[in-house]
Every structure is written in structure tokens, then in C-alpha cells.
N, C-alpha and C. Protein backbone atom coordinates (compact mmCIF):
# COMPACT_ATOMS: atom_id res chain seq x y z
N UNK A 1 0.82 -1.19 0.00
CA UNK A 1 0.00 0.00 0.00
C UNK A 1 0.87 1.26 0.00
N UNK A 2 1.93 1.23 0.82
CA UNK A 2 2.81 2.39 0.86
C UNK A 2 3.49 2.64 -0.48
N UNK A 3 3.88 1.58 -1.14
CA UNK A 3 4.53 1.71 -2.44
C UNK A 3 3.58 2.33 -3.45
N UNK A 4 2.35 1.88 -3.44
CA UNK A 4 1.36 2.43 -4.37
C UNK A 4 1.12 3.91 -4.11
N UNK A 5 1.00 4.29 -2.84
CA UNK A 5 0.79 5.69 -2.47
C UNK A 5 2.00 6.54 -2.87
N UNK A 6 3.20 5.99 -2.67
CA UNK A 6 4.43 6.71 -3.04
C UNK A 6 4.47 6.94 -4.56
N UNK A 7 4.14 5.93 -5.34
CA UNK A 7 4.15 6.05 -6.80
C UNK A 7 3.14 7.10 -7.26
N UNK A 8 1.96 7.10 -6.69
CA UNK A 8 0.94 8.08 -7.05
C UNK A 8 1.40 9.49 -6.69
N UNK A 9 1.97 9.66 -5.50
CA UNK A 9 2.46 10.98 -5.06
C UNK A 9 3.57 11.47 -5.98
N UNK A 10 4.50 10.61 -6.33
CA UNK A 10 5.60 10.99 -7.22
C UNK A 10 5.07 11.35 -8.61
N UNK A 11 4.09 10.62 -9.08
CA UNK A 11 3.49 10.92 -10.39
C UNK A 11 2.81 12.28 -10.38
N UNK A 12 2.12 12.61 -9.31
CA UNK A 12 1.48 13.92 -9.22
C UNK A 12 2.52 15.03 -9.14
N UNK A 13 3.58 14.81 -8.39
CA UNK A 13 4.64 15.82 -8.28
C UNK A 13 5.29 16.05 -9.64
N UNK A 14 5.54 14.98 -10.38
CA UNK A 14 6.14 15.11 -11.71
C UNK A 14 5.21 15.88 -12.64
N UNK A 15 3.93 15.62 -12.56
CA UNK A 15 2.95 16.33 -13.39
C UNK A 15 2.95 17.83 -13.10
N UNK A 16 3.02 18.19 -11.83
CA UNK A 16 3.06 19.61 -11.44
C UNK A 16 4.33 20.25 -11.98
N UNK A 17 5.46 19.60 -11.86
CA UNK A 17 6.73 20.16 -12.34
C UNK A 17 6.76 20.30 -13.85
N UNK A 18 6.16 19.38 -14.55
CA UNK A 18 6.16 19.43 -16.01
C UNK A 18 5.24 20.53 -16.53
N UNK A 19 4.10 20.74 -15.91
CA UNK A 19 3.14 21.71 -16.40
C UNK A 19 3.39 23.13 -15.92
N UNK A 20 4.22 23.33 -14.90
CA UNK A 20 4.46 24.68 -14.37
C UNK A 20 5.01 25.63 -15.44
N UNK A 21 6.03 25.25 -16.23
CA UNK A 21 6.51 26.18 -17.26
C UNK A 21 5.45 26.52 -18.30
N UNK A 22 4.59 25.58 -18.62
CA UNK A 22 3.55 25.84 -19.61
C UNK A 22 2.55 26.86 -19.09
N UNK A 23 2.25 26.82 -17.80
CA UNK A 23 1.32 27.79 -17.23
C UNK A 23 1.95 29.18 -17.19
N UNK A 24 3.25 29.26 -16.97
CA UNK A 24 3.92 30.55 -16.85
C UNK A 24 4.03 31.26 -18.19
N UNK A 25 4.06 30.52 -19.27
CA UNK A 25 4.21 31.10 -20.60
C UNK A 25 2.83 31.43 -21.15
N UNK A 26 2.75 32.44 -21.98
CA UNK A 26 1.47 32.86 -22.53
C UNK A 26 1.56 32.97 -24.04
N UNK A 27 0.41 32.95 -24.67
CA UNK A 27 0.39 33.14 -26.11
C UNK A 27 0.32 34.63 -26.42
N UNK A 28 0.69 34.99 -27.64
CA UNK A 28 0.60 36.39 -28.08
C UNK A 28 -0.81 36.91 -27.88
N UNK A 29 -1.80 36.14 -28.35
CA UNK A 29 -3.20 36.59 -28.33
C UNK A 29 -3.75 36.76 -26.92
N UNK A 30 -3.14 36.13 -25.93
CA UNK A 30 -3.63 36.26 -24.56
C UNK A 30 -3.35 37.64 -23.99
N UNK A 31 -2.28 38.27 -24.43
CA UNK A 31 -1.89 39.55 -23.83
C UNK A 31 -1.85 40.73 -24.80
N UNK A 32 -1.57 40.48 -26.08
CA UNK A 32 -1.38 41.56 -27.04
C UNK A 32 -2.47 41.54 -28.11
N UNK A 33 -2.70 42.71 -28.72
CA UNK A 33 -3.80 42.87 -29.66
C UNK A 33 -3.27 43.20 -31.05
N UNK A 34 -3.50 42.30 -32.01
CA UNK A 34 -3.05 42.52 -33.39
C UNK A 34 -3.73 43.76 -34.00
N UNK A 35 -4.83 44.19 -33.42
CA UNK A 35 -5.53 45.38 -33.90
C UNK A 35 -5.04 46.67 -33.26
N UNK A 36 -3.97 46.58 -32.47
CA UNK A 36 -3.36 47.75 -31.84
C UNK A 36 -1.87 47.85 -32.21
N UNK A 37 -1.57 47.96 -33.50
CA UNK A 37 -0.15 48.10 -33.88
C UNK A 37 0.39 49.45 -33.42
N UNK A 38 1.64 49.47 -33.02
CA UNK A 38 2.28 50.71 -32.56
C UNK A 38 3.65 50.88 -33.22
N UNK A 39 4.04 52.13 -33.39
CA UNK A 39 5.39 52.49 -33.77
C UNK A 39 5.89 53.44 -32.70
N UNK A 40 6.96 53.05 -32.04
CA UNK A 40 7.49 53.81 -30.92
C UNK A 40 8.91 54.27 -31.24
N UNK A 41 9.17 55.56 -31.03
CA UNK A 41 10.52 56.10 -31.18
C UNK A 41 10.95 56.54 -29.79
N UNK A 42 12.02 55.95 -29.30
CA UNK A 42 12.43 56.28 -27.95
C UNK A 42 13.87 55.93 -27.67
N UNK A 43 14.29 56.26 -26.46
CA UNK A 43 15.65 56.00 -26.01
C UNK A 43 15.66 54.81 -25.06
N UNK A 44 16.61 53.93 -25.26
CA UNK A 44 16.72 52.72 -24.45
C UNK A 44 17.12 53.07 -23.03
N UNK A 45 16.40 52.47 -22.07
CA UNK A 45 16.75 52.65 -20.67
C UNK A 45 17.32 51.37 -20.06
N UNK A 46 16.94 50.22 -20.64
CA UNK A 46 17.42 48.94 -20.10
C UNK A 46 17.00 47.81 -21.03
N UNK A 47 17.77 46.72 -21.01
CA UNK A 47 17.36 45.49 -21.69
C UNK A 47 17.68 44.33 -20.77
N UNK A 48 16.68 43.47 -20.58
CA UNK A 48 16.86 42.27 -19.77
C UNK A 48 16.93 41.05 -20.69
N UNK A 49 18.06 40.38 -20.68
CA UNK A 49 18.28 39.19 -21.50
C UNK A 49 17.89 37.97 -20.69
N UNK A 50 16.59 37.71 -20.61
CA UNK A 50 16.08 36.61 -19.81
C UNK A 50 15.18 35.73 -20.67
N UNK A 51 14.91 34.54 -20.17
CA UNK A 51 13.97 33.64 -20.83
C UNK A 51 12.74 33.51 -19.95
N UNK A 52 11.54 33.30 -20.45
CA UNK A 52 11.28 32.88 -21.81
C UNK A 52 11.26 34.03 -22.82
N UNK A 53 11.28 35.29 -22.36
CA UNK A 53 11.29 36.42 -23.28
C UNK A 53 12.27 37.47 -22.78
N UNK A 54 13.03 38.04 -23.70
CA UNK A 54 13.87 39.19 -23.36
C UNK A 54 12.95 40.42 -23.33
N UNK A 55 13.34 41.44 -22.57
CA UNK A 55 12.54 42.67 -22.46
C UNK A 55 13.42 43.87 -22.70
N UNK A 56 12.90 44.81 -23.49
CA UNK A 56 13.57 46.08 -23.76
C UNK A 56 12.69 47.18 -23.18
N UNK A 57 13.32 48.15 -22.54
CA UNK A 57 12.58 49.26 -21.94
C UNK A 57 13.06 50.55 -22.59
N UNK A 58 12.10 51.36 -23.05
CA UNK A 58 12.44 52.63 -23.69
C UNK A 58 11.57 53.75 -23.14
N UNK A 59 12.11 54.95 -23.21
CA UNK A 59 11.35 56.16 -22.87
C UNK A 59 10.95 56.83 -24.17
N UNK A 60 9.66 57.05 -24.33
CA UNK A 60 9.10 57.64 -25.54
C UNK A 60 8.55 59.03 -25.21
N UNK A 61 8.97 60.02 -25.98
CA UNK A 61 8.45 61.37 -25.80
C UNK A 61 7.11 61.47 -26.52
N UNK A 62 6.07 61.82 -25.77
CA UNK A 62 4.73 61.92 -26.32
C UNK A 62 4.52 63.30 -26.95
N UNK A 63 3.48 63.45 -27.76
CA UNK A 63 3.22 64.74 -28.42
C UNK A 63 3.10 65.93 -27.46
N UNK A 64 2.63 65.66 -26.23
CA UNK A 64 2.47 66.76 -25.26
C UNK A 64 3.77 67.06 -24.52
N UNK A 65 4.86 66.38 -24.87
CA UNK A 65 6.17 66.64 -24.27
C UNK A 65 6.49 65.76 -23.07
N UNK A 66 5.51 65.05 -22.54
CA UNK A 66 5.78 64.15 -21.42
C UNK A 66 6.48 62.89 -21.93
N UNK A 67 7.15 62.21 -21.03
CA UNK A 67 7.85 60.98 -21.39
C UNK A 67 7.10 59.80 -20.80
N UNK A 68 6.89 58.79 -21.63
CA UNK A 68 6.20 57.58 -21.21
C UNK A 68 7.17 56.40 -21.35
N UNK A 69 7.29 55.61 -20.30
CA UNK A 69 8.16 54.43 -20.31
C UNK A 69 7.38 53.23 -20.85
N UNK A 70 7.98 52.55 -21.83
CA UNK A 70 7.37 51.37 -22.44
C UNK A 70 8.19 50.13 -22.15
N UNK A 71 7.51 49.00 -21.96
CA UNK A 71 8.12 47.69 -21.81
C UNK A 71 7.82 46.91 -23.07
N UNK A 72 8.86 46.38 -23.70
CA UNK A 72 8.70 45.69 -24.98
C UNK A 72 9.16 44.25 -24.87
N UNK A 73 8.25 43.34 -25.13
CA UNK A 73 8.57 41.92 -25.08
C UNK A 73 9.22 41.49 -26.38
N UNK A 74 10.32 40.78 -26.26
CA UNK A 74 11.05 40.23 -27.41
C UNK A 74 10.95 38.72 -27.36
N UNK A 75 11.57 38.06 -28.32
CA UNK A 75 11.66 36.61 -28.30
C UNK A 75 12.61 36.17 -27.21
N UNK A 76 12.84 34.89 -27.12
CA UNK A 76 13.75 34.34 -26.12
C UNK A 76 15.16 34.87 -26.33
N UNK A 77 15.85 35.12 -25.24
CA UNK A 77 17.22 35.65 -25.31
C UNK A 77 18.12 34.72 -26.14
N UNK A 78 17.96 33.43 -25.96
CA UNK A 78 18.80 32.50 -26.73
C UNK A 78 18.49 32.58 -28.22
N UNK A 79 17.23 32.78 -28.58
CA UNK A 79 16.86 32.91 -29.99
C UNK A 79 17.43 34.19 -30.58
N UNK A 80 17.41 35.28 -29.81
CA UNK A 80 17.99 36.54 -30.29
C UNK A 80 19.49 36.38 -30.55
N UNK A 81 20.18 35.73 -29.62
CA UNK A 81 21.62 35.51 -29.79
C UNK A 81 21.90 34.67 -31.04
N UNK A 82 21.07 33.67 -31.29
CA UNK A 82 21.25 32.85 -32.50
C UNK A 82 21.00 33.64 -33.77
N UNK A 83 20.17 34.69 -33.70
CA UNK A 83 19.88 35.53 -34.86
C UNK A 83 20.91 36.63 -35.06
N UNK A 84 21.93 36.66 -34.22
CA UNK A 84 22.99 37.65 -34.39
C UNK A 84 22.94 38.84 -33.45
N UNK A 85 21.94 38.88 -32.58
CA UNK A 85 21.89 39.95 -31.59
C UNK A 85 23.07 39.78 -30.64
N UNK A 86 23.56 40.89 -30.12
CA UNK A 86 24.61 40.88 -29.09
C UNK A 86 24.13 41.72 -27.92
N UNK A 87 24.61 41.41 -26.75
CA UNK A 87 24.17 42.15 -25.57
C UNK A 87 24.60 43.61 -25.62
N UNK A 88 25.62 43.93 -26.42
CA UNK A 88 26.07 45.33 -26.52
C UNK A 88 25.48 46.05 -27.72
N UNK A 89 24.55 45.43 -28.41
CA UNK A 89 23.96 46.00 -29.62
C UNK A 89 23.10 47.23 -29.34
N UNK A 90 22.42 47.24 -28.21
CA UNK A 90 21.49 48.31 -27.86
C UNK A 90 21.89 48.97 -26.54
N UNK A 91 22.90 49.82 -26.56
CA UNK A 91 23.32 50.45 -25.31
C UNK A 91 22.30 51.46 -24.80
N UNK A 92 22.28 51.63 -23.49
CA UNK A 92 21.39 52.60 -22.85
C UNK A 92 21.61 53.97 -23.48
N UNK A 93 20.51 54.66 -23.75
CA UNK A 93 20.55 55.99 -24.34
C UNK A 93 20.39 56.02 -25.84
N UNK A 94 20.55 54.88 -26.51
CA UNK A 94 20.42 54.81 -27.96
C UNK A 94 18.98 55.05 -28.37
N UNK A 95 18.78 55.87 -29.40
CA UNK A 95 17.43 56.09 -29.92
C UNK A 95 17.14 55.03 -30.98
N UNK A 96 15.97 54.41 -30.87
CA UNK A 96 15.55 53.37 -31.80
C UNK A 96 14.07 53.58 -32.15
N UNK A 97 13.66 52.87 -33.19
CA UNK A 97 12.24 52.81 -33.56
C UNK A 97 11.81 51.36 -33.44
N UNK A 98 10.72 51.13 -32.75
CA UNK A 98 10.21 49.77 -32.55
C UNK A 98 8.80 49.70 -33.10
N UNK A 99 8.52 48.66 -33.86
CA UNK A 99 7.15 48.39 -34.28
C UNK A 99 6.70 47.14 -33.55
N UNK A 100 5.42 47.09 -33.24
CA UNK A 100 4.90 45.94 -32.53
C UNK A 100 3.41 46.09 -32.30
N UNK A 101 2.93 45.39 -31.28
CA UNK A 101 1.51 45.37 -30.97
C UNK A 101 1.30 45.60 -29.48
N UNK A 102 0.44 46.56 -29.16
CA UNK A 102 0.22 46.98 -27.78
C UNK A 102 -0.55 45.93 -26.99
N UNK A 103 -0.38 45.98 -25.68
CA UNK A 103 -1.12 45.11 -24.77
C UNK A 103 -2.62 45.37 -24.90
N UNK A 104 -3.39 44.33 -24.73
CA UNK A 104 -4.85 44.44 -24.84
C UNK A 104 -5.43 45.42 -23.85
N UNK A 105 -4.82 45.52 -22.66
CA UNK A 105 -5.37 46.40 -21.62
C UNK A 105 -4.97 47.86 -21.80
N UNK A 106 -4.26 48.19 -22.89
CA UNK A 106 -3.89 49.57 -23.16
C UNK A 106 -2.67 50.06 -22.41
N UNK A 107 -2.02 49.20 -21.64
CA UNK A 107 -0.82 49.58 -20.90
C UNK A 107 0.30 49.92 -21.86
N UNK A 108 1.31 50.62 -21.36
CA UNK A 108 2.48 50.98 -22.17
C UNK A 108 3.41 49.77 -22.25
N UNK A 109 2.89 48.72 -22.84
CA UNK A 109 3.61 47.46 -23.01
C UNK A 109 3.25 46.92 -24.39
N UNK A 110 4.24 46.39 -25.08
CA UNK A 110 3.98 45.88 -26.43
C UNK A 110 4.82 44.65 -26.71
N UNK A 111 4.35 43.87 -27.65
CA UNK A 111 5.11 42.74 -28.18
C UNK A 111 5.85 43.30 -29.40
N UNK A 112 7.17 43.35 -29.32
CA UNK A 112 7.97 43.96 -30.38
C UNK A 112 8.03 43.05 -31.60
N UNK A 113 7.99 43.68 -32.77
CA UNK A 113 8.11 42.97 -34.04
C UNK A 113 9.47 43.24 -34.65
N UNK A 114 9.80 44.52 -34.82
CA UNK A 114 11.07 44.92 -35.42
C UNK A 114 11.66 46.09 -34.65
N UNK A 115 12.98 46.18 -34.70
CA UNK A 115 13.71 47.32 -34.14
C UNK A 115 14.52 47.92 -35.28
N UNK A 116 14.40 49.23 -35.47
CA UNK A 116 15.19 49.92 -36.49
C UNK A 116 16.19 50.83 -35.78
N UNK A 117 17.47 50.64 -36.10
CA UNK A 117 18.53 51.43 -35.50
C UNK A 117 18.68 52.76 -36.24
N UNK A 118 19.44 53.68 -35.67
CA UNK A 118 19.63 55.01 -36.26
C UNK A 118 20.23 54.93 -37.66
N UNK A 119 21.05 53.91 -37.93
CA UNK A 119 21.67 53.77 -39.25
C UNK A 119 20.74 53.12 -40.27
N UNK A 120 19.50 52.81 -39.88
CA UNK A 120 18.52 52.21 -40.78
C UNK A 120 18.47 50.70 -40.74
N UNK A 121 19.40 50.08 -40.04
CA UNK A 121 19.42 48.62 -39.94
C UNK A 121 18.20 48.15 -39.15
N UNK A 122 17.47 47.18 -39.75
CA UNK A 122 16.25 46.66 -39.14
C UNK A 122 16.52 45.26 -38.60
N UNK A 123 16.11 45.03 -37.36
CA UNK A 123 16.32 43.75 -36.70
C UNK A 123 14.99 43.14 -36.29
N UNK A 124 14.85 41.85 -36.51
CA UNK A 124 13.65 41.12 -36.12
C UNK A 124 13.72 40.84 -34.62
N UNK A 125 12.66 41.15 -33.90
CA UNK A 125 12.64 41.00 -32.44
C UNK A 125 12.37 39.56 -31.98
N UNK A 126 12.11 38.68 -32.93
CA UNK A 126 11.99 37.26 -32.59
C UNK A 126 10.73 36.88 -31.85
N UNK A 127 9.64 37.60 -32.05
CA UNK A 127 8.41 37.30 -31.32
C UNK A 127 7.34 36.73 -32.23
N UNK A 128 6.24 36.37 -31.61
CA UNK A 128 5.09 35.85 -32.36
C UNK A 128 4.41 36.94 -33.16
N UNK A 129 4.73 38.19 -32.89
CA UNK A 129 4.06 39.31 -33.56
C UNK A 129 4.21 39.24 -35.08
N UNK A 130 5.33 38.75 -35.56
CA UNK A 130 5.56 38.70 -37.00
C UNK A 130 4.53 37.84 -37.71
N UNK A 131 4.00 36.87 -37.01
CA UNK A 131 3.01 35.98 -37.62
C UNK A 131 1.59 36.50 -37.48
N UNK A 132 1.42 37.66 -36.88
CA UNK A 132 0.08 38.15 -36.58
C UNK A 132 -0.52 39.04 -37.65
N UNK A 133 0.17 39.23 -38.75
CA UNK A 133 -0.40 40.04 -39.82
C UNK A 133 0.05 41.49 -39.72
N UNK A 134 -0.30 42.25 -40.71
CA UNK A 134 0.09 43.66 -40.78
C UNK A 134 -1.15 44.51 -40.60
N UNK A 135 -0.92 45.75 -40.31
CA UNK A 135 -2.03 46.68 -40.17
C UNK A 135 -1.49 48.08 -40.13
N UNK A 136 -2.37 49.07 -40.14
CA UNK A 136 -1.91 50.45 -39.98
C UNK A 136 -1.31 50.61 -38.61
N UNK A 137 -0.26 51.37 -38.50
CA UNK A 137 0.41 51.52 -37.22
C UNK A 137 0.11 52.86 -36.60
N UNK A 138 -0.07 52.85 -35.29
CA UNK A 138 -0.27 54.09 -34.54
C UNK A 138 1.09 54.57 -34.07
N UNK A 139 1.39 55.80 -34.33
CA UNK A 139 2.66 56.36 -33.89
C UNK A 139 2.51 57.08 -32.56
N UNK A 140 3.57 57.11 -31.78
CA UNK A 140 3.58 57.82 -30.51
C UNK A 140 4.77 58.75 -30.49
């Protein structure tokens, strides 16, 4: 009886451990809206090279002169590195243009699609946004 109980308990523990990463990860459609495309021009304040998604933070000057901080979700850090990104590619203070899709709740958060550097070089952000179709973009 003890052996049977132990096997059942271990099986349940393994199931919890296996499904935990799946619960923590989300789909594009769960958080971002393909009908809210954005184009953001701003200065980099920080980039976090973490998994399951890297994050870029920029300050965007709004039309009224105020500055709004945006959080931009990228693909996995390992995928970015495989695509040729380097950790020193986007230093703090650099002005960039980012296209992507805003969060469904209207927060200053977006799923990045592309990053355009000052020299015109365009980089793919490695996210699901590229598969979500095109649309007119809202500029900030």
C-alpha cells in the first residue's frame, strides 16, 4: 500500500513540475492585440536578456512633451543571440524605432516585431508578432 501511495504521489509531483513552465508562458493573443499596432521612437533605458522572453525598456516622448516608459517583449534571449543579436547592440541611451503590438489592456507594453537602428538597420525581435499580420500603425 505504501509503495502504491508513493508512486501516485511521485506521479502527481512530476505532473506539477512538467506543467508549471507551460502555465507561466502565454500566447501572443492572450496579452497583445493585433488590432493595436504601434510604432514607438524612444531611447533605451534597459534590456533584460532573460527567458522565456527578453525585455527592452524605452522612454518615448509623447506629443504633449511628457515621457512615457514602455516595456517591450522580445523573443527568447537564446533565440535573439542565434539571430545575431549581441548584448552590446542596444546600449542605454540609444534612440531606436520599434514596431509591434500593444497590450490588450492599453498599458504601455507591447510585443515587439522589429527594431530599427539610427543607421537604418532593421532587426527582427523574434516574437510571435511577425506571424500576426500587418495593419496600420499608430505612432507615438
